[in-house]
Amino acid sequence: MIATLFTDCFPCTGGPITGASPGPVCGWTFSEAFGPKGGQVTFTPGVMSLDALGGVSDTPAAFRPFPLSLSTILLMSVQFKLTEYPGSVGSGSEYQHYIFDSTFSNWILVYMNATGFVQVVSGPTAGADSYIGTWTPTGGTHKIDYSIDMAGVMTLYIDDVLIPLTFAGGGFTPFGSFAANNVYFFSLKAPSAVSSSKIQDVFVTSGIQPPTTVYCCS
């Protein structure tokens, strides 16, 4: 199916984009939402590469606007592919994905780290609900699928496996400087090294879709 809200299969070559030269390149702009941490983002056909360059705080990140105004995060489904930093299993490496609606009224966070911890947040930017669970890092590539129901509750699948989530409290607000109507991806390599995490095939669509959905790039 064609995703109705956002599609990027990274067809172009470009970069690097950095804090000093943020772009946009291939439609994406380097993000320093958490400050000037370092790293870069590059593009090759089919891949957005989040490149750590060996700095202790390197946090390569990029964002791209929705082509139209995202009026709600409810009744919405997202799918993307994430490749971990090689050899990172059990380390302090982190992967973060955010969505903000067009009025900065609601947000989504999917946080995964290399020890197997996952946290999801969805709801008002003034104070959203958080849920936690576990996943299985392998050092490889994973397909992430999630949907938000009418009540704002997220259902998360990783590699087509349902991730049980436990309520962890409310009142969560975004930490950092973000912009409305955007999709964001961040990563952190820990311990520091020259290494890359990769994002592929990002789709955002209206409605609740199963993780088996096959999306078209165009």
C-alpha atoms as a PDB file:
ATOM      1  CA  MET A   1       0.000   0.000   0.000  1.00  0.00           C
ATOM      2  CA  ILE A   2       0.966   3.653  -0.329  1.00  0.00           C
ATOM      3  CA  ALA A   3       1.551   5.446   2.991  1.00  0.00           C
ATOM      4  CA  THR A   4      -0.769   8.437   3.167  1.00  0.00           C
ATOM      5  CA  LEU A   5       1.245  10.761   5.415  1.00  0.00           C
ATOM      6  CA  PHE A   6       4.995  10.238   4.860  1.00  0.00           C
ATOM      7  CA  THR A   7       7.238   8.051   2.715  1.00  0.00           C
ATOM      8  CA  ASP A   8      11.013   8.055   2.373  1.00  0.00           C
ATOM      9  CA  CYS A   9      13.013   5.157   0.954  1.00  0.00           C
ATOM     10  CA  PHE A  10      16.132   7.334   0.646  1.00  0.00           C
ATOM     11  CA  PRO A  11      16.580   7.285  -3.133  1.00  0.00           C
ATOM     12  CA  CYS A  12      19.304   9.941  -3.271  1.00  0.00           C
ATOM     13  CA  THR A  13      23.008  10.317  -2.507  1.00  0.00           C
ATOM     14  CA  GLY A  14      24.232  13.234  -0.416  1.00  0.00           C
ATOM     15  CA  GLY A  15      25.832  14.572   2.696  1.00  0.00           C
ATOM     16  CA  PRO A  16      27.465  14.675   5.034  1.00  0.00           C
ATOM     17  CA  ILE A  17      25.189  16.950   6.986  1.00  0.00           C
ATOM     18  CA  THR A  18      26.518  18.136  10.347  1.00  0.00           C
ATOM     19  CA  GLY A  19      25.884  20.771  12.967  1.00  0.00           C
ATOM     20  CA  ALA A  20      28.133  23.130  11.013  1.00  0.00           C
ATOM     21  CA  SER A  21      26.523  22.301   7.654  1.00  0.00           C
ATOM     22  CA  PRO A  22      23.027  21.073   8.502  1.00  0.00           C
ATOM     23  CA  GLY A  23      21.470  20.913   5.026  1.00  0.00           C
ATOM     24  CA  PRO A  24      18.795  20.022   4.117  1.00  0.00           C
ATOM     25  CA  VAL A  25      20.185  17.237   1.959  1.00  0.00           C
ATOM     26  CA  CYS A  26      17.866  14.641   0.447  1.00  0.00           C
ATOM     27  CA  GLY A  27      15.063  16.419   2.317  1.00  0.00           C
ATOM     28  CA  TRP A  28      16.648  15.907   5.759  1.00  0.00           C
ATOM     29  CA  THR A  29      18.288  18.428   8.081  1.00  0.00           C
ATOM     30  CA  PHE A  30      20.874  17.663  10.752  1.00  0.00           C
ATOM     31  CA  SER A  31      19.410  18.020  14.238  1.00  0.00           C
ATOM     32  CA  GLU A  32      21.099  19.381  17.340  1.00  0.00           C
ATOM     33  CA  ALA A  33      17.952  19.138  19.450  1.00  0.00           C
ATOM     34  CA  PHE A  34      20.103  17.972  22.371  1.00  0.00           C
ATOM     35  CA  GLY A  35      22.904  20.448  21.654  1.00  0.00           C
ATOM     36  CA  PRO A  36      26.057  20.259  19.487  1.00  0.00           C
ATOM     37  CA  LYS A  37      26.965  16.666  20.275  1.00  0.00           C
ATOM     38  CA  GLY A  38      28.787  15.770  17.031  1.00  0.00           C
ATOM     39  CA  GLY A  39      28.523  13.107  14.358  1.00  0.00           C
ATOM     40  CA  GLN A  40      27.169  13.350  10.826  1.00  0.00           C
ATOM     41  CA  VAL A  41      24.445  11.965   8.569  1.00  0.00           C
ATOM     42  CA  THR A  42      25.015  10.718   5.012  1.00  0.00           C
ATOM     43  CA  PHE A  43      22.781   9.298   2.305  1.00  0.00           C
ATOM     44  CA  THR A  44      23.304   6.490  -0.169  1.00  0.00           C
ATOM     45  CA  PRO A  45      20.515   4.895  -2.227  1.00  0.00           C
ATOM     46  CA  GLY A  46      18.207   3.143   0.226  1.00  0.00           C
ATOM     47  CA  VAL A  47      19.940   4.257   3.428  1.00  0.00           C
ATOM     48  CA  MET A  48      20.207   7.224   5.777  1.00  0.00           C
ATOM     49  CA  SER A  49      23.394   6.586   7.734  1.00  0.00           C
ATOM     50  CA  LEU A  50      23.761   8.026  11.242  1.00  0.00           C
ATOM     51  CA  ASP A  51      27.530   8.230  11.530  1.00  0.00           C
ATOM     52  CA  ALA A  52      29.386   8.397  14.832  1.00  0.00           C
ATOM     53  CA  LEU A  53      32.886   9.751  14.203  1.00  0.00           C
ATOM     54  CA  GLY A  54      34.536   8.633  17.420  1.00  0.00           C
ATOM     55  CA  GLY A  55      33.576  11.542  19.656  1.00  0.00           C
ATOM     56  CA  VAL A  56      32.402  10.624  23.138  1.00  0.00           C
ATOM     57  CA  SER A  57      29.108  12.500  22.747  1.00  0.00           C
ATOM     58  CA  ASP A  58      28.493  11.970  19.008  1.00  0.00           C
ATOM     59  CA  THR A  59      24.735  11.941  18.478  1.00  0.00           C
ATOM     60  CA  PRO A  60      24.062  11.935  14.740  1.00  0.00           C
ATOM     61  CA  ALA A  61      20.474  12.917  14.042  1.00  0.00           C
ATOM     62  CA  ALA A  62      18.234  14.243  11.296  1.00  0.00           C
ATOM     63  CA  PHE A  63      14.674  15.396  10.776  1.00  0.00           C
ATOM     64  CA  ARG A  64      12.339  15.840   7.824  1.00  0.00           C
ATOM     65  CA  PRO A  65       8.984  17.659   7.664  1.00  0.00           C
ATOM     66  CA  PHE A  66       5.747  15.946   6.821  1.00  0.00           C
ATOM     67  CA  PRO A  67       4.706  16.988   3.298  1.00  0.00           C
ATOM     68  CA  LEU A  68       1.352  18.191   4.691  1.00  0.00           C
ATOM     69  CA  SER A  69       0.275  19.243   8.158  1.00  0.00           C
ATOM     70  CA  LEU A  70       0.044  16.309  10.559  1.00  0.00           C
ATOM     71  CA  SER A  71      -3.133  17.243  12.416  1.00  0.00           C
ATOM     72  CA  THR A  72      -3.199  14.235  14.778  1.00  0.00           C
ATOM     73  CA  ILE A  73      -1.141  11.278  15.932  1.00  0.00           C
ATOM     74  CA  LEU A  74      -4.247   9.202  16.623  1.00  0.00           C
ATOM     75  CA  LEU A  75      -5.267   6.293  14.372  1.00  0.00           C
ATOM     76  CA  MET A  76      -1.842   6.321  12.734  1.00  0.00           C
ATOM     77  CA  SER A  77       0.694   3.606  11.858  1.00  0.00           C
ATOM     78  CA  VAL A  78       4.462   3.819  11.322  1.00  0.00           C
ATOM     79  CA  GLN A  79       7.001   1.394   9.889  1.00  0.00           C
ATOM     80  CA  PHE A  80      10.770   1.783   9.444  1.00  0.00           C
ATOM     81  CA  LYS A  81      13.923  -0.304   9.403  1.00  0.00           C
ATOM     82  CA  LEU A  82      16.759   0.269  11.860  1.00  0.00           C
ATOM     83  CA  THR A  83      20.253  -1.205  11.683  1.00  0.00           C
ATOM     84  CA  GLU A  84      22.109  -1.207  14.993  1.00  0.00           C
ATOM     85  CA  TYR A  85      25.705  -0.110  15.424  1.00  0.00           C
ATOM     86  CA  PRO A  86      27.831  -3.200  14.630  1.00  0.00           C
ATOM     87  CA  GLY A  87      28.982  -5.041  17.723  1.00  0.00           C
ATOM     88  CA  SER A  88      26.854  -2.895  20.009  1.00  0.00           C
ATOM     89  CA  VAL A  89      24.788  -5.575  21.762  1.00  0.00           C
ATOM     90  CA  GLY A  90      24.886  -5.048  25.523  1.00  0.00           C
ATOM     91  CA  SER A  91      26.553  -1.640  25.236  1.00  0.00           C
ATOM     92  CA  GLY A  92      25.260   1.845  25.990  1.00  0.00           C
ATOM     93  CA  SER A  93      24.260   2.546  22.389  1.00  0.00           C
ATOM     94  CA  GLU A  94      20.853   4.167  21.901  1.00  0.00           C
ATOM     95  CA  TYR A  95      18.315   4.693  19.104  1.00  0.00           C
ATOM     96  CA  GLN A  96      15.530   7.277  19.234  1.00  0.00           C
ATOM     97  CA  HIS A  97      12.653   8.148  16.909  1.00  0.00           C
ATOM     98  CA  TYR A  98      10.253  11.079  17.358  1.00  0.00           C
ATOM     99  CA  ILE A  99       7.185  12.477  15.635  1.00  0.00           C
ATOM    100  CA  PHE A 100       5.632  15.870  16.398  1.00  0.00           C
ATOM    101  CA  ASP A 101       2.300  17.032  15.021  1.00  0.00           C
ATOM    102  CA  SER A 102       1.773  20.294  13.150  1.00  0.00           C
ATOM    103  CA  THR A 103       0.854  22.337  16.226  1.00  0.00           C
ATOM    104  CA  PHE A 104       3.424  20.783  18.581  1.00  0.00           C
ATOM    105  CA  SER A 105       0.485  19.632  20.686  1.00  0.00           C
ATOM    106  CA  ASN A 106       1.240  15.893  20.576  1.00  0.00           C
ATOM    107  CA  TRP A 107       4.324  13.760  20.202  1.00  0.00           C
ATOM    108  CA  ILE A 108       5.624  10.218  19.878  1.00  0.00           C
ATOM    109  CA  LEU A 109       8.886   8.714  21.111  1.00  0.00           C
ATOM    110  CA  VAL A 110      10.263   5.248  20.489  1.00  0.00           C
ATOM    111  CA  TYR A 111      13.485   4.707  22.467  1.00  0.00           C
ATOM    112  CA  MET A 112      15.529   1.514  22.186  1.00  0.00           C
ATOM    113  CA  ASN A 113      18.946   0.736  23.605  1.00  0.00           C
ATOM    114  CA  ALA A 114      21.495  -2.008  23.112  1.00  0.00           C
ATOM    115  CA  THR A 115      20.812  -3.654  26.462  1.00  0.00           C
ATOM    116  CA  GLY A 116      17.275  -4.572  25.354  1.00  0.00           C
ATOM    117  CA  PHE A 117      15.293  -1.785  27.016  1.00  0.00           C
ATOM    118  CA  VAL A 118      12.521  -0.042  25.078  1.00  0.00           C
ATOM    119  CA  GLN A 119      10.375   2.923  26.053  1.00  0.00           C
ATOM    120  CA  VAL A 120       7.497   4.455  24.117  1.00  0.00           C
ATOM    121  CA  VAL A 121       5.758   7.753  24.775  1.00  0.00           C
ATOM    122  CA  SER A 122       2.671   9.124  23.044  1.00  0.00           C
ATOM    123  CA  GLY A 123       0.270  11.924  23.805  1.00  0.00           C
ATOM    124  CA  PRO A 124       0.253  15.644  24.588  1.00  0.00           C
ATOM    125  CA  THR A 125       3.581  17.452  24.646  1.00  0.00           C
ATOM    126  CA  ALA A 126       2.340  18.975  27.903  1.00  0.00           C
ATOM    127  CA  GLY A 127       2.429  15.524  29.494  1.00  0.00           C
ATOM    128  CA  ALA A 128       2.200  12.173  27.703  1.00  0.00           C
ATOM    129  CA  ASP A 129       1.997   8.595  28.956  1.00  0.00           C
ATOM    130  CA  SER A 130       5.045   6.314  28.931  1.00  0.00           C
ATOM    131  CA  TYR A 131       5.269   2.537  28.605  1.00  0.00           C
ATOM    132  CA  ILE A 132       8.337   0.303  28.890  1.00  0.00           C
ATOM    133  CA  GLY A 133       9.271  -3.153  27.656  1.00  0.00           C
ATOM    134  CA  THR A 134      12.118  -5.286  26.367  1.00  0.00           C
ATOM    135  CA  TRP A 135      13.386  -6.244  22.930  1.00  0.00           C
ATOM    136  CA  THR A 136      16.219  -8.399  21.592  1.00  0.00           C
ATOM    137  CA  PRO A 137      19.219  -6.550  20.132  1.00  0.00           C
ATOM    138  CA  THR A 138      21.205  -8.654  17.656  1.00  0.00           C
ATOM    139  CA  GLY A 139      23.568  -6.120  16.113  1.00  0.00           C
ATOM    140  CA  GLY A 140      21.617  -6.399  12.856  1.00  0.00           C
ATOM    141  CA  THR A 141      18.664  -4.848  11.061  1.00  0.00           C
ATOM    142  CA  HIS A 142      15.168  -4.696  12.546  1.00  0.00           C
ATOM    143  CA  LYS A 143      11.731  -3.736  11.251  1.00  0.00           C
ATOM    144  CA  ILE A 144       9.881  -1.458  13.654  1.00  0.00           C
ATOM    145  CA  ASP A 145       6.086  -1.151  13.414  1.00  0.00           C
ATOM    146  CA  TYR A 146       3.795   0.755  15.722  1.00  0.00           C
ATOM    147  CA  SER A 147       0.303   2.188  15.723  1.00  0.00           C
ATOM    148  CA  ILE A 148      -1.558   4.665  17.924  1.00  0.00           C
ATOM    149  CA  ASP A 149      -5.215   3.962  18.703  1.00  0.00           C
ATOM    150  CA  MET A 150      -8.027   6.439  19.322  1.00  0.00           C
ATOM    151  CA  ALA A 151      -7.148   6.566  23.027  1.00  0.00           C
ATOM    152  CA  GLY A 152      -3.522   7.448  22.242  1.00  0.00           C
ATOM    153  CA  VAL A 153      -2.162   4.042  23.274  1.00  0.00           C
ATOM    154  CA  MET A 154       0.711   2.614  21.238  1.00  0.00           C
ATOM    155  CA  THR A 155       1.052  -0.989  20.048  1.00  0.00           C
ATOM    156  CA  LEU A 156       4.659  -1.868  19.142  1.00  0.00           C
ATOM    157  CA  TYR A 157       6.088  -4.696  17.048  1.00  0.00           C
ATOM    158  CA  ILE A 158       9.769  -5.361  16.401  1.00  0.00           C
ATOM    159  CA  ASP A 159      10.500  -7.856  13.636  1.00  0.00           C
ATOM    160  CA  ASP A 160       6.765  -8.697  13.592  1.00  0.00           C
ATOM    161  CA  VAL A 161       6.888  -9.714  17.281  1.00  0.00           C
ATOM    162  CA  LEU A 162       4.501  -7.925  19.626  1.00  0.00           C
ATOM    163  CA  ILE A 163       6.412  -6.138  22.408  1.00  0.00           C
ATOM    164  CA  PRO A 164       4.480  -6.259  25.715  1.00  0.00           C
ATOM    165  CA  LEU A 165       4.453  -2.781  27.247  1.00  0.00           C
ATOM    166  CA  THR A 166       3.919  -1.827  30.893  1.00  0.00           C
ATOM    167  CA  PHE A 167       2.605   1.569  31.947  1.00  0.00           C
ATOM    168  CA  ALA A 168       5.436   3.625  33.467  1.00  0.00           C
ATOM    169  CA  GLY A 169       3.650   6.845  34.329  1.00  0.00           C
ATOM    170  CA  GLY A 170       2.327  10.055  32.846  1.00  0.00           C
ATOM    171  CA  GLY A 171       3.450  13.650  32.524  1.00  0.00           C
ATOM    172  CA  PHE A 172       6.321  13.042  30.078  1.00  0.00           C
ATOM    173  CA  THR A 173       7.371  16.070  28.008  1.00  0.00           C
ATOM    174  CA  PRO A 174       9.986  16.206  25.231  1.00  0.00           C
ATOM    175  CA  PHE A 175      13.518  16.983  26.394  1.00  0.00           C
ATOM    176  CA  GLY A 176      15.367  19.071  23.837  1.00  0.00           C
ATOM    177  CA  SER A 177      14.625  21.630  21.128  1.00  0.00           C
ATOM    178  CA  PHE A 178      12.339  20.146  18.492  1.00  0.00           C
ATOM    179  CA  ALA A 179      10.179  21.594  15.723  1.00  0.00           C
ATOM    180  CA  ALA A 180       6.555  20.824  14.901  1.00  0.00           C
ATOM    181  CA  ASN A 181       5.403  18.664  11.964  1.00  0.00           C
ATOM    182  CA  ASN A 182       8.578  16.597  11.699  1.00  0.00           C
ATOM    183  CA  VAL A 183       9.936  13.050  11.814  1.00  0.00           C
ATOM    184  CA  TYR A 184      13.233  12.659  13.725  1.00  0.00           C
ATOM    185  CA  PHE A 185      15.856   9.921  14.124  1.00  0.00           C
ATOM    186  CA  PHE A 186      18.774   9.967  16.591  1.00  0.00           C
ATOM    187  CA  SER A 187      21.469   7.495  17.583  1.00  0.00           C
ATOM    188  CA  LEU A 188      24.328   7.361  20.078  1.00  0.00           C
ATOM    189  CA  LYS A 189      27.311   5.006  19.871  1.00  0.00           C
ATOM    190  CA  ALA A 190      28.621   4.010  23.290  1.00  0.00           C
ATOM    191  CA  PRO A 191      31.404   3.328  23.911  1.00  0.00           C
ATOM    192  CA  SER A 192      32.544   5.875  21.341  1.00  0.00           C
ATOM    193  CA  ALA A 193      33.866   4.593  18.008  1.00  0.00           C
ATOM    194  CA  VAL A 194      33.762   5.350  14.317  1.00  0.00           C
ATOM    195  CA  SER A 195      30.614   3.449  13.384  1.00  0.00           C
ATOM    196  CA  SER A 196      27.222   3.850  11.715  1.00  0.00           C
ATOM    197  CA  SER A 197      23.609   3.044  12.493  1.00  0.00           C
ATOM    198  CA  LYS A 198      21.247   3.059   9.522  1.00  0.00           C
ATOM    199  CA  ILE A 199      17.617   3.973   8.842  1.00  0.00           C
ATOM    200  CA  GLN A 200      15.671   2.620   5.865  1.00  0.00           C
ATOM    201  CA  ASP A 201      12.165   2.728   4.408  1.00  0.00           C
ATOM    202  CA  VAL A 202      10.204   5.114   6.632  1.00  0.00           C
ATOM    203  CA  PHE A 203       6.406   5.069   6.231  1.00  0.00           C
ATOM    204  CA  VAL A 204       3.690   6.916   8.165  1.00  0.00           C
ATOM    205  CA  THR A 205       0.069   6.271   7.244  1.00  0.00           C
ATOM    206  CA  SER A 206      -3.438   6.928   8.483  1.00  0.00           C
ATOM    207  CA  GLY A 207      -5.293   4.076  10.142  1.00  0.00           C
ATOM    208  CA  ILE A 208      -4.268   1.055  12.184  1.00  0.00           C
ATOM    209  CA  GLN A 209      -2.196  -1.231   9.978  1.00  0.00           C
ATOM    210  CA  PRO A 210      -0.766  -4.663  10.889  1.00  0.00           C
ATOM    211  CA  PRO A 211       3.028  -5.147  11.017  1.00  0.00           C
ATOM    212  CA  THR A 212       2.785  -7.415   7.971  1.00  0.00           C
ATOM    213  CA  THR A 213       1.791  -4.429   5.809  1.00  0.00           C
ATOM    214  CA  VAL A 214       3.990  -4.033   2.734  1.00  0.00           C
ATOM    215  CA  TYR A 215       4.388  -0.395   1.789  1.00  0.00           C
ATOM    216  CA  CYS A 216       5.359   0.970  -1.620  1.00  0.00           C
ATOM    217  CA  CYS A 217       8.201   3.472  -1.930  1.00  0.00           C
ATOM    218  CA  SER A 218       6.343   5.428  -4.632  1.00  0.00           C
END
